[in-house]
Amino acid sequence: MPKKTENNHTEPLETQLFKAADKLRKNIDAAEYKHIVLGLIFLRYISDAFEDLHSKLQAGRGEYEGADPEDRDEYRAENVFFVPPSARWSYLQTRAKLPDIGKDIDQAMDAIEKDNPSLRGVLPMVFARGNLDPTSLGGLIDLMSNIALGDAKDRSADVLGHVFEYFLGEFALAEGKKGGQFYTPRCVVQLLVEMLEPFKGRVFDPCCGSGGMFVQSERFVTERQGQLNDISIFGQESNQTTWRLAKMNLAIRGIDSSQVKWNNEGSFLNDEHKDLKADYVLANPPFNDSDWSGDLLRGDGRWKYGQPPTGNANYAWIQHFLYHLSPTGQAGFVLSKGALTTNTSGEGDIRQALVEARLVDCIVNLPAKLFLNTQIPASLWFLSRDKANGHFRNRRDEILFIDACEIGHLINRRTRTFSPEDITKIADTYHNWRSQPSPSGRGQGEGAYEDIPGFCKSASVEEVKNKNYVLTPGRYVGLPDQEDDFEFEERFSKLKKELLSQFKEENKLNTQILDNLKKVVLDE
């Protein structure tokens, strides 16, 4: 039976698993421990998928008649990883209590990589290290063996994928600032995807972290009964450890990650997708990165709207995204709030050029404490190559500003999140403003757009020009309207009476104190 919390609610499976796994961590840092736990989840997943197909091939019925269950080509044809006998979960389970289980798992990972070229250099081989005792490792194997419970067994890929994603988020929380470098909060990813609606075409993230943008894009399509084959993903990551997490994160969901590339030079110096023109760009680049090799890229062809300063990569990222957009492409990305106002080293001129080119579609001001790795205020930018295209109404001379800084709720003292209702409110505001139906059928018909003081404002490019091309939503949305039933005179009169009454009581008390003092003095 699932454990009960103090509130008498049943804890989700992934929460129970993480708590149990964390108890086995002992003196291992979360940054190191995550590779152990996530590696085991991945191993469990590919073994489940393999064993399922293996049993069908072994039975030899229907389309599998005469098939060889040990033929690697049979698994490649079904897009299933081949798992050699010594790497199968059932075999490792039998050895979970032995002192050499760490070596067994490392050898299993190595054997899987040799049999599956797409996983080479991806899987963690960290299980034989001295700081991970065999008893704790055996406990983890037992724990992971119980992931697919009851009727969940038939959909273990979904369960394991969800557990993997949950664990990524929990480890990012445990690591704090360092963890945020590989993980964008799920609510931020959901908001970006819900607003941009990547329903069909090429989705690109040139700083993809652990692959959350791709996972959410695929989920968006699936939830709306779309065809997964209608979108293809392209990515790049400069941190090899994070790239490995991305490859596992995508593989556990059966998402083709062949175009998710790694090199340690990064997207600016070594663009792995030079010729790509994407339909959608989704990204959360490093905030205010000063070490982006800008001095080596002066005069680069991507800087169509101005040379970005060598000391800050924000406007280099914006132009990199634009460079990779198709003629009707759209981009949604996170950027530090300072980029909305800065005039340093020509950044204000680049921002003006972007506005004048009618590329800026929408700006969303985000609340504090959403991100794990920084307290720097953040915003979402939405750019469109063709704001007069046939999918939506012509909005070339308008920009939508949304101030969401008061939206969301705290899940602990230092972390904020958006609820599904918050995400829907912001996304629907954007969709209704864009007007005509989107490819997924959302937008028009869900409510006409209206400016809401303190929350959203559709501003003309001329208005933005008059504000010196500053893009901070607060400059446009104004203050919220007061409640209709608020009567200033009545409230002022009431407060005045309360203060006078309080003053009289204090005077009365002071008079009594003085009288008592006089009596004491006279008696003496």
Protein backbone atom coordinates (compact mmCIF):
# COMPACT_ATOMS: atom_id res chain seq x y z
CA MET A 1 0.00 0.00 0.00
CA PRO A 2 1.25 3.53 -0.73
CA LYS A 3 2.37 5.47 2.31
CA LYS A 4 0.10 8.10 3.82
CA THR A 5 1.25 11.62 4.52
CA GLU A 6 0.37 13.46 7.71
CA ASN A 7 -2.49 15.08 5.80
CA ASN A 8 -3.81 11.59 5.14
CA HIS A 9 -3.29 11.98 1.37
CA THR A 10 -1.70 9.23 -0.67
CA GLU A 11 1.80 10.21 -1.77
CA PRO A 12 2.51 9.88 -5.51
CA LEU A 13 4.70 6.95 -6.46
CA GLU A 14 7.55 9.17 -7.66
CA THR A 15 7.58 11.06 -4.32
CA GLN A 16 7.80 7.83 -2.35
CA LEU A 17 10.59 6.58 -4.58
CA PHE A 18 12.64 9.75 -4.32
CA LYS A 19 12.37 9.86 -0.53
CA ALA A 20 13.44 6.22 -0.30
CA ALA A 21 16.30 6.72 -2.76
CA ASP A 22 17.48 9.84 -0.93
CA LYS A 23 17.69 7.91 2.35
CA LEU A 24 20.21 5.59 0.68
CA ARG A 25 22.36 8.55 -0.42
CA LYS A 26 24.21 8.86 2.90
CA ASN A 27 27.37 10.95 2.37
CA ILE A 28 27.20 11.23 -1.43
CA ASP A 29 26.57 14.68 -2.93
CA ALA A 30 23.33 15.05 -4.90
CA ALA A 31 25.34 16.10 -7.97
CA GLU A 32 27.09 12.73 -8.02
CA TYR A 33 24.22 10.64 -6.71
CA LYS A 34 21.82 11.71 -9.45
CA HIS A 35 23.89 9.84 -12.06
CA ILE A 36 23.66 6.66 -10.00
CA VAL A 37 19.89 6.85 -9.51
CA LEU A 38 18.99 8.14 -12.99
CA GLY A 39 21.34 5.58 -14.54
CA LEU A 40 19.48 2.77 -12.78
CA ILE A 41 16.09 4.14 -13.85
CA PHE A 42 17.32 4.21 -17.44
CA LEU A 43 18.72 0.69 -17.18
CA ARG A 44 15.42 -0.52 -15.78
CA TYR A 45 13.54 1.14 -18.67
CA ILE A 46 15.57 -0.33 -21.51
CA SER A 47 15.44 -3.76 -19.84
CA ASP A 48 11.64 -3.56 -19.57
CA ALA A 49 11.33 -2.63 -23.24
CA PHE A 50 13.78 -5.33 -24.27
CA GLU A 51 12.16 -8.07 -22.15
CA ASP A 52 8.73 -7.19 -23.54
CA LEU A 53 9.86 -7.60 -27.15
CA HIS A 54 12.08 -10.58 -26.26
CA SER A 55 9.09 -12.49 -24.92
CA LYS A 56 7.11 -11.77 -28.12
CA LEU A 57 9.98 -12.92 -30.30
CA GLN A 58 10.42 -16.02 -28.17
CA ALA A 59 6.72 -16.90 -28.48
CA GLY A 60 7.06 -16.58 -32.26
CA ARG A 61 3.41 -15.83 -32.98
CA GLY A 62 1.97 -13.77 -35.84
CA GLU A 63 4.45 -11.27 -37.26
CA TYR A 64 7.15 -12.69 -34.99
CA GLU A 65 6.91 -16.24 -36.31
CA GLY A 66 10.38 -17.69 -36.89
CA ALA A 67 12.13 -14.69 -35.28
CA ASP A 68 15.37 -15.11 -33.31
CA PRO A 69 15.01 -13.47 -29.88
CA GLU A 70 18.78 -12.91 -29.71
CA ASP A 71 19.07 -11.23 -33.13
CA ARG A 72 19.99 -7.57 -32.59
CA ASP A 73 18.37 -6.55 -35.89
CA GLU A 74 14.95 -7.61 -34.58
CA TYR A 75 15.25 -4.98 -31.85
CA ARG A 76 16.62 -2.25 -34.11
CA ALA A 77 13.62 -2.76 -36.40
CA GLU A 78 11.29 -2.02 -33.45
CA ASN A 79 13.39 0.92 -32.17
CA VAL A 80 14.21 -1.04 -29.00
CA PHE A 81 17.68 -1.11 -27.44
CA PHE A 82 19.31 -4.55 -27.38
CA VAL A 83 20.29 -5.60 -23.85
CA PRO A 84 22.84 -8.45 -23.57
CA PRO A 85 22.16 -11.19 -20.97
CA SER A 86 24.62 -9.87 -18.35
CA ALA A 87 23.00 -6.39 -18.49
CA ARG A 88 19.37 -7.41 -18.13
CA TRP A 89 17.56 -6.18 -15.05
CA SER A 90 16.42 -9.66 -14.06
CA TYR A 91 20.05 -10.81 -13.98
CA LEU A 92 21.26 -7.79 -11.98
CA GLN A 93 18.44 -8.30 -9.48
CA THR A 94 19.80 -11.74 -8.63
CA ARG A 95 23.19 -10.15 -7.86
CA ALA A 96 21.90 -7.10 -5.94
CA LYS A 97 23.13 -8.38 -2.55
CA LEU A 98 26.64 -9.35 -3.73
CA PRO A 99 29.69 -7.20 -2.94
CA ASP A 100 30.63 -6.81 -6.63
CA ILE A 101 27.26 -5.44 -7.77
CA GLY A 102 28.85 -2.08 -8.61
CA LYS A 103 31.28 -3.69 -11.05
CA ASP A 104 28.43 -5.74 -12.51
CA ILE A 105 26.41 -2.60 -13.29
CA ASP A 106 29.38 -0.75 -14.79
CA GLN A 107 30.04 -3.76 -17.02
CA ALA A 108 26.34 -3.88 -17.94
CA MET A 109 26.40 -0.20 -19.00
CA ASP A 110 29.53 -0.82 -21.06
CA ALA A 111 27.98 -3.86 -22.77
CA ILE A 112 24.81 -1.90 -23.63
CA GLU A 113 26.85 0.92 -25.18
CA LYS A 114 28.78 -1.56 -27.33
CA ASP A 115 25.57 -3.10 -28.67
CA ASN A 116 23.80 0.24 -29.23
CA PRO A 117 25.87 2.84 -31.11
CA SER A 118 23.44 5.68 -30.33
CA LEU A 119 24.19 5.25 -26.60
CA ARG A 120 27.98 5.29 -26.86
CA GLY A 121 29.50 7.77 -24.45
CA VAL A 122 26.12 8.38 -22.81
CA LEU A 123 25.63 5.92 -19.94
CA PRO A 124 27.13 6.49 -16.46
CA MET A 125 29.76 4.01 -15.27
CA VAL A 126 30.07 5.21 -11.68
CA PHE A 127 28.70 2.29 -9.72
CA ALA A 128 31.95 0.68 -8.52
CA ARG A 129 33.20 3.80 -6.76
CA GLY A 130 34.29 3.38 -3.16
CA ASN A 131 31.87 5.95 -1.71
CA LEU A 132 28.85 3.90 -2.81
CA ASP A 133 28.62 0.85 -0.59
CA PRO A 134 27.17 -2.37 -2.12
CA THR A 135 24.37 -2.55 0.47
CA SER A 136 23.00 0.87 -0.53
CA LEU A 137 23.34 -0.01 -4.22
CA GLY A 138 21.47 -3.26 -3.66
CA GLY A 139 18.75 -1.27 -1.87
CA LEU A 140 18.47 1.04 -4.88
CA ILE A 141 18.08 -1.94 -7.22
CA ASP A 142 15.29 -3.32 -5.02
CA LEU A 143 13.65 0.11 -5.01
CA MET A 144 13.82 0.49 -8.78
CA SER A 145 12.42 -3.01 -9.20
CA ASN A 146 9.16 -1.79 -7.67
CA ILE A 147 8.58 1.22 -9.94
CA ALA A 148 5.93 -0.40 -12.13
CA LEU A 149 3.27 -1.41 -9.59
CA GLY A 150 0.06 -3.31 -10.36
CA ASP A 151 -1.68 -2.16 -13.52
CA ALA A 152 1.13 0.38 -14.09
CA LYS A 153 3.30 -2.49 -15.33
CA ASP A 154 1.73 -2.41 -18.79
CA ARG A 155 2.68 1.23 -19.18
CA SER A 156 6.03 1.15 -17.40
CA ALA A 157 7.69 3.32 -20.06
CA ASP A 158 5.30 6.17 -19.16
CA VAL A 159 5.76 5.57 -15.44
CA LEU A 160 9.55 5.38 -15.69
CA GLY A 161 9.66 8.47 -17.90
CA HIS A 162 7.61 10.41 -15.38
CA VAL A 163 9.79 9.17 -12.49
CA PHE A 164 12.95 10.13 -14.42
CA GLU A 165 11.64 13.67 -14.99
CA TYR A 166 10.54 14.03 -11.37
CA PHE A 167 13.94 12.87 -10.11
CA LEU A 168 15.68 15.36 -12.42
CA GLY A 169 13.70 18.16 -10.81
CA GLU A 170 14.28 16.95 -7.25
CA PHE A 171 18.03 16.59 -7.80
CA ALA A 172 18.11 20.09 -9.31
CA LEU A 173 16.40 21.38 -6.14
CA ALA A 174 18.91 19.51 -3.97
CA GLU A 175 21.85 20.92 -5.91
CA GLY A 176 20.53 24.47 -5.91
CA LYS A 177 22.52 26.84 -8.13
CA LYS A 178 24.53 24.11 -9.86
CA GLY A 179 21.43 22.00 -10.46
CA GLY A 180 19.70 24.81 -12.30
CA GLN A 181 22.36 24.69 -14.99
CA PHE A 182 20.95 21.46 -16.40
CA TYR A 183 17.28 21.85 -15.48
CA THR A 184 14.69 24.48 -16.40
CA PRO A 185 11.72 24.41 -13.97
CA ARG A 186 8.92 22.35 -15.45
CA CYS A 187 6.32 25.11 -15.07
CA VAL A 188 8.47 27.51 -17.14
CA VAL A 189 8.94 24.88 -19.87
CA GLN A 190 5.20 24.17 -19.86
CA LEU A 191 4.39 27.87 -20.18
CA LEU A 192 6.80 28.34 -23.10
CA VAL A 193 5.41 25.30 -24.92
CA GLU A 194 1.76 26.17 -24.22
CA MET A 195 2.27 29.67 -25.57
CA LEU A 196 4.31 28.73 -28.62
CA GLU A 197 2.35 25.55 -29.48
CA PRO A 198 4.96 23.54 -31.43
CA PHE A 199 2.43 21.32 -33.18
CA LYS A 200 4.23 20.50 -36.41
CA GLY A 201 7.74 21.05 -37.80
CA ARG A 202 11.32 21.35 -36.53
CA VAL A 203 11.92 22.24 -32.87
CA PHE A 204 15.38 23.58 -31.97
CA ASP A 205 17.10 24.24 -28.64
CA PRO A 206 20.76 25.24 -28.99
CA CYS A 207 21.39 25.10 -25.20
CA CYS A 208 19.17 22.12 -24.42
CA GLY A 209 20.27 21.12 -20.91
CA SER A 210 18.63 17.83 -19.96
CA GLY A 211 16.13 18.04 -22.84
CA GLY A 212 13.04 19.33 -21.03
CA MET A 213 11.90 21.53 -23.93
CA PHE A 214 11.82 18.52 -26.25
CA VAL A 215 9.99 16.31 -23.76
CA GLN A 216 7.31 18.94 -23.19
CA SER A 217 6.94 19.57 -26.94
CA GLU A 218 6.33 15.88 -27.56
CA ARG A 219 3.87 15.78 -24.65
CA PHE A 220 2.04 18.82 -26.05
CA VAL A 221 1.51 17.05 -29.37
CA THR A 222 0.45 13.76 -27.74
CA GLU A 223 -2.07 15.41 -25.41
CA ARG A 224 -3.76 17.04 -28.41
CA GLN A 225 -3.95 13.78 -30.38
CA GLY A 226 -1.32 14.99 -32.85
CA GLN A 227 1.22 12.86 -34.70
CA LEU A 228 4.64 12.63 -33.03
CA ASN A 229 6.18 12.10 -36.45
CA ASP A 230 5.03 15.60 -37.36
CA ILE A 231 7.75 17.17 -35.20
CA SER A 232 11.50 16.57 -35.20
CA ILE A 233 13.97 17.81 -32.63
CA PHE A 234 17.40 19.41 -32.98
CA GLY A 235 19.58 20.39 -30.06
CA GLN A 236 23.05 21.21 -28.82
CA GLU A 237 24.68 21.19 -25.39
CA SER A 238 28.23 22.16 -24.39
CA ASN A 239 28.30 20.31 -21.04
CA GLN A 240 28.90 16.64 -21.75
CA THR A 241 27.46 15.43 -18.44
CA THR A 242 24.25 17.38 -19.06
CA TRP A 243 24.13 16.14 -22.67
CA ARG A 244 24.23 12.57 -21.36
CA LEU A 245 21.23 13.31 -19.13
CA ALA A 246 19.40 14.73 -22.15
CA LYS A 247 20.11 11.64 -24.25
CA MET A 248 18.79 9.35 -21.49
CA ASN A 249 15.82 11.61 -20.79
CA LEU A 250 14.78 11.43 -24.46
CA ALA A 251 15.59 7.75 -24.95
CA ILE A 252 13.40 6.73 -22.00
CA ARG A 253 10.46 8.23 -23.90
CA GLY A 254 11.39 6.79 -27.29
CA ILE A 255 12.21 10.25 -28.69
CA ASP A 256 14.78 10.28 -31.48
CA SER A 257 17.78 12.20 -30.13
CA SER A 258 20.14 11.61 -33.07
CA GLN A 259 20.18 15.36 -33.79
CA VAL A 260 20.95 16.37 -30.20
CA LYS A 261 24.67 17.11 -30.42
CA TRP A 262 27.50 17.80 -28.00
CA ASN A 263 30.73 19.67 -28.34
CA ASN A 264 32.61 21.55 -25.63
CA GLU A 265 32.98 24.70 -27.75
CA GLY A 266 29.25 25.48 -27.64
CA SER A 267 26.71 26.82 -30.11
CA PHE A 268 28.43 30.13 -30.80
CA LEU A 269 31.89 28.81 -31.68
CA ASN A 270 30.86 25.45 -33.13
CA ASP A 271 27.28 25.48 -34.38
CA GLU A 272 26.33 21.83 -34.95
CA HIS A 273 23.26 22.81 -36.99
CA LYS A 274 24.62 25.57 -39.25
CA ASP A 275 22.08 25.05 -42.02
CA LEU A 276 19.02 24.42 -39.85
CA LYS A 277 16.00 26.68 -40.28
CA ALA A 278 13.62 25.70 -37.51
CA ASP A 279 9.89 26.27 -37.21
CA TYR A 280 10.23 26.72 -33.45
CA VAL A 281 13.07 27.69 -31.14
CA LEU A 282 12.60 26.95 -27.44
CA ALA A 283 15.47 27.77 -25.09
CA ASN A 284 16.69 28.87 -21.68
CA PRO A 285 20.23 30.16 -22.33
CA PRO A 286 22.66 31.05 -19.50
CA PHE A 287 21.77 34.46 -18.07
CA ASN A 288 24.20 37.33 -18.77
CA ASP A 289 27.01 34.99 -19.83
CA SER A 290 30.25 36.99 -19.98
CA ASP A 291 32.45 34.11 -21.14
CA TRP A 292 30.93 33.38 -24.54
CA SER A 293 33.99 34.08 -26.76
CA GLY A 294 32.37 37.17 -28.28
CA ASP A 295 35.79 38.64 -29.08
CA LEU A 296 36.37 35.74 -31.50
CA LEU A 297 33.08 36.32 -33.33
CA ARG A 298 33.20 39.98 -34.30
CA GLY A 299 31.46 40.51 -37.63
CA ASP A 300 29.81 37.07 -37.54
CA GLY A 301 26.99 36.65 -40.09
CA ARG A 302 24.47 35.99 -37.33
CA TRP A 303 24.74 39.54 -35.99
CA LYS A 304 22.30 41.03 -38.49
CA TYR A 305 20.78 43.47 -35.99
CA GLY A 306 24.01 44.63 -34.35
CA GLN A 307 27.26 43.42 -32.81
CA PRO A 308 26.51 41.97 -29.34
CA PRO A 309 28.87 43.08 -26.55
CA THR A 310 31.71 40.70 -25.71
CA GLY A 311 30.83 40.90 -22.02
CA ASN A 312 27.22 39.67 -22.26
CA ALA A 313 25.75 36.95 -24.50
CA ASN A 314 22.05 37.88 -24.16
CA TYR A 315 21.73 39.63 -27.52
CA ALA A 316 24.03 37.09 -29.15
CA TRP A 317 21.56 34.36 -28.13
CA ILE A 318 18.60 36.35 -29.49
CA GLN A 319 20.28 36.76 -32.86
CA HIS A 320 21.44 33.13 -32.89
CA PHE A 321 17.80 32.08 -32.40
CA LEU A 322 16.65 34.39 -35.19
CA TYR A 323 19.36 33.11 -37.52
CA HIS A 324 17.98 29.60 -37.14
CA LEU A 325 14.29 30.49 -37.67
CA SER A 326 12.50 29.66 -40.91
CA PRO A 327 10.72 32.53 -42.77
CA THR A 328 7.57 31.82 -40.74
CA GLY A 329 9.35 30.52 -37.63
CA GLN A 330 8.66 31.50 -34.03
CA ALA A 331 10.87 31.56 -30.96
CA GLY A 332 10.10 31.46 -27.24
CA PHE A 333 12.93 31.76 -24.73
CA VAL A 334 13.96 32.88 -21.25
CA LEU A 335 16.21 35.88 -20.74
CA SER A 336 17.28 38.02 -17.78
CA LYS A 337 14.95 40.95 -17.19
CA GLY A 338 17.82 43.39 -17.64
CA ALA A 339 17.83 42.68 -21.39
CA LEU A 340 14.47 44.48 -21.61
CA THR A 341 15.98 47.85 -20.68
CA THR A 342 19.77 47.74 -21.11
CA ASN A 343 21.53 50.29 -23.30
CA THR A 344 25.02 49.01 -22.52
CA SER A 345 27.52 48.51 -25.36
CA GLY A 346 24.96 48.91 -28.12
CA GLU A 347 22.36 46.48 -26.70
CA GLY A 348 19.70 49.20 -26.78
CA ASP A 349 20.39 49.72 -30.50
CA ILE A 350 19.97 45.99 -31.16
CA ARG A 351 16.69 45.96 -29.23
CA GLN A 352 15.46 48.95 -31.25
CA ALA A 353 16.40 47.15 -34.48
CA LEU A 354 14.44 44.06 -33.38
CA VAL A 355 11.34 46.15 -32.60
CA GLU A 356 11.59 48.15 -35.81
CA ALA A 357 11.95 44.92 -37.81
CA ARG A 358 8.60 43.80 -36.32
CA LEU A 359 10.15 40.68 -34.81
CA VAL A 360 9.09 41.07 -31.16
CA ASP A 361 5.66 39.50 -30.60
CA CYS A 362 5.19 39.20 -26.85
CA ILE A 363 7.07 39.83 -23.60
CA VAL A 364 6.13 38.16 -20.30
CA ASN A 365 7.50 39.44 -16.99
CA LEU A 366 8.10 36.48 -14.64
CA PRO A 367 7.92 36.45 -10.82
CA ALA A 368 10.97 35.95 -8.62
CA LYS A 369 12.11 32.56 -7.25
CA LEU A 370 11.09 30.48 -10.28
CA PHE A 371 14.65 29.48 -11.15
CA LEU A 372 16.93 27.31 -9.04
CA ASN A 373 20.27 28.65 -10.24
CA THR A 374 19.76 32.40 -10.06
CA GLN A 375 17.87 35.15 -8.27
CA ILE A 376 18.23 37.39 -11.34
CA PRO A 377 14.74 38.54 -12.45
CA ALA A 378 13.69 36.84 -15.69
CA SER A 379 11.35 37.35 -18.60
CA LEU A 380 10.02 35.38 -21.56
CA TRP A 381 10.49 36.66 -25.10
CA PHE A 382 8.40 35.55 -28.06
CA LEU A 383 9.68 36.45 -31.52
CA SER A 384 7.99 35.83 -34.85
CA ARG A 385 9.62 36.03 -38.28
CA ASP A 386 6.31 36.90 -39.93
CA LYS A 387 3.71 38.56 -37.70
CA ALA A 388 1.39 38.92 -40.69
CA ASN A 389 1.44 35.23 -41.61
CA GLY A 390 -1.73 33.30 -42.42
CA HIS A 391 -1.86 31.29 -39.18
CA PHE A 392 -2.81 34.32 -37.09
CA ARG A 393 -4.04 37.88 -37.58
CA ASN A 394 -1.73 40.64 -38.80
CA ARG A 395 -0.15 42.13 -35.67
CA ARG A 396 2.99 43.62 -37.20
CA ASP A 397 2.57 46.99 -35.51
CA GLU A 398 1.68 45.59 -32.06
CA ILE A 399 3.50 43.94 -29.16
CA LEU A 400 1.72 42.16 -26.31
CA PHE A 401 3.03 42.81 -22.80
CA ILE A 402 2.06 40.48 -19.92
CA ASP A 403 3.10 41.16 -16.33
CA ALA A 404 2.94 37.84 -14.45
CA CYS A 405 5.10 38.91 -11.50
CA GLU A 406 2.20 38.44 -9.04
CA ILE A 407 1.19 35.03 -10.40
CA GLY A 408 2.23 31.67 -8.96
CA HIS A 409 2.69 30.27 -5.46
CA LEU A 410 5.59 29.26 -3.19
CA ILE A 411 6.30 25.54 -2.78
CA ASN A 412 9.01 26.29 -0.21
CA ARG A 413 10.76 29.35 1.19
CA ARG A 414 12.94 29.87 -1.89
CA THR A 415 11.05 28.29 -4.79
CA ARG A 416 7.98 29.47 -6.66
CA THR A 417 5.93 27.66 -9.31
CA PHE A 418 2.94 28.15 -11.60
CA SER A 419 -0.24 26.10 -11.28
CA PRO A 420 -1.91 24.69 -14.44
CA GLU A 421 -4.50 27.47 -14.08
CA ASP A 422 -1.74 30.11 -14.02
CA ILE A 423 -0.21 28.68 -17.19
CA THR A 424 -3.61 28.57 -18.92
CA LYS A 425 -4.37 32.18 -17.96
CA ILE A 426 -1.11 33.51 -19.44
CA ALA A 427 -1.14 31.27 -22.53
CA ASP A 428 -4.79 31.99 -23.36
CA THR A 429 -4.15 35.73 -23.10
CA TYR A 430 -1.46 35.39 -25.77
CA HIS A 431 -3.54 33.07 -27.95
CA ASN A 432 -6.60 35.33 -27.82
CA TRP A 433 -4.46 38.34 -28.69
CA ARG A 434 -2.99 36.51 -31.70
CA SER A 435 -6.63 35.86 -32.62
CA GLN A 436 -7.07 33.32 -35.42
CA PRO A 437 -7.05 29.59 -34.61
CA SER A 438 -3.67 27.98 -34.03
CA PRO A 439 -2.74 24.65 -35.70
CA SER A 440 -3.80 22.83 -32.53
CA GLY A 441 -7.25 24.44 -32.60
CA ARG A 442 -6.65 26.77 -29.67
CA GLY A 443 -6.91 30.55 -29.70
CA GLN A 444 -9.99 32.09 -31.26
CA GLY A 445 -13.27 31.12 -29.64
CA GLU A 446 -11.84 30.82 -26.12
CA GLY A 447 -12.52 34.50 -25.42
CA ALA A 448 -11.82 37.85 -27.04
CA TYR A 449 -8.66 39.67 -25.98
CA GLU A 450 -8.94 42.73 -23.73
CA ASP A 451 -6.28 44.85 -22.04
CA ILE A 452 -6.34 44.24 -18.28
CA PRO A 453 -4.73 47.00 -16.17
CA GLY A 454 -1.84 45.57 -14.18
CA PHE A 455 -1.73 42.34 -16.21
CA CYS A 456 -1.69 42.75 -20.01
CA LYS A 457 -1.53 45.45 -22.65
CA SER A 458 -1.40 45.39 -26.45
CA ALA A 459 0.93 48.29 -27.26
CA SER A 460 1.71 49.79 -30.63
CA VAL A 461 5.26 49.94 -31.94
CA GLU A 462 4.87 53.71 -31.81
CA GLU A 463 4.19 53.51 -28.05
CA VAL A 464 7.30 51.37 -27.60
CA LYS A 465 9.30 53.90 -29.63
CA ASN A 466 8.03 56.71 -27.37
CA LYS A 467 9.33 54.76 -24.34
CA ASN A 468 12.79 54.54 -25.90
CA TYR A 469 12.26 50.89 -26.94
CA VAL A 470 12.18 49.68 -23.33
CA LEU A 471 10.29 46.36 -23.24
CA THR A 472 9.51 46.03 -19.52
CA PRO A 473 5.81 45.00 -19.27
CA GLY A 474 5.27 47.16 -16.17
CA ARG A 475 5.86 50.27 -18.29
CA TYR A 476 2.82 49.41 -20.40
CA VAL A 477 0.28 47.44 -18.34
CA GLY A 478 -0.03 50.09 -15.61
CA LEU A 479 -1.56 49.44 -12.21
CA PRO A 480 -4.54 47.15 -11.51
CA ASP A 481 -7.97 48.77 -11.26
CA GLN A 482 -9.27 49.21 -7.73
CA GLU A 483 -12.29 47.16 -6.69
CA ASP A 484 -15.57 48.70 -7.85
CA ASP A 485 -17.01 48.82 -4.33
CA PHE A 486 -14.10 50.76 -2.86
CA GLU A 487 -15.30 54.16 -1.62
CA PHE A 488 -12.42 56.45 -0.69
CA GLU A 489 -14.47 58.95 1.34
CA GLU A 490 -16.18 56.21 3.33
CA ARG A 491 -12.89 54.37 3.99
CA PHE A 492 -11.10 57.62 4.97
CA SER A 493 -13.88 58.61 7.34
CA LYS A 494 -13.84 55.19 8.98
CA LEU A 495 -10.06 55.23 9.42
CA LYS A 496 -10.24 58.77 10.86
CA LYS A 497 -12.79 57.67 13.47
CA GLU A 498 -10.67 54.63 14.38
CA LEU A 499 -7.59 56.82 14.83
CA LEU A 500 -9.45 59.41 16.92
CA SER A 501 -10.88 56.68 19.13
CA GLN A 502 -7.45 55.19 19.55
CA PHE A 503 -6.02 58.63 20.37
CA LYS A 504 -8.72 59.27 23.00
CA GLU A 505 -8.08 55.89 24.63
CA GLU A 506 -4.36 56.62 24.76
CA ASN A 507 -5.03 60.08 26.23
CA LYS A 508 -7.36 58.58 28.81
CA LEU A 509 -4.70 56.06 29.76
CA ASN A 510 -2.04 58.77 29.95
CA THR A 511 -4.33 60.90 32.16
CA GLN A 512 -4.84 57.98 34.53
CA ILE A 513 -1.08 57.41 34.73
CA LEU A 514 -0.49 61.10 35.51
CA ASP A 515 -3.20 61.13 38.18
CA ASN A 516 -1.66 58.07 39.83
CA LEU A 517 1.77 59.67 39.79
CA LYS A 518 0.39 62.84 41.38
CA LYS A 519 -1.20 60.80 44.17
CA VAL A 520 2.05 58.99 44.84
CA VAL A 521 3.95 62.30 45.00
CA LEU A 522 1.36 63.96 47.25
CA ASP A 523 1.23 60.97 49.62
CA GLU A 524 4.96 61.12 50.01
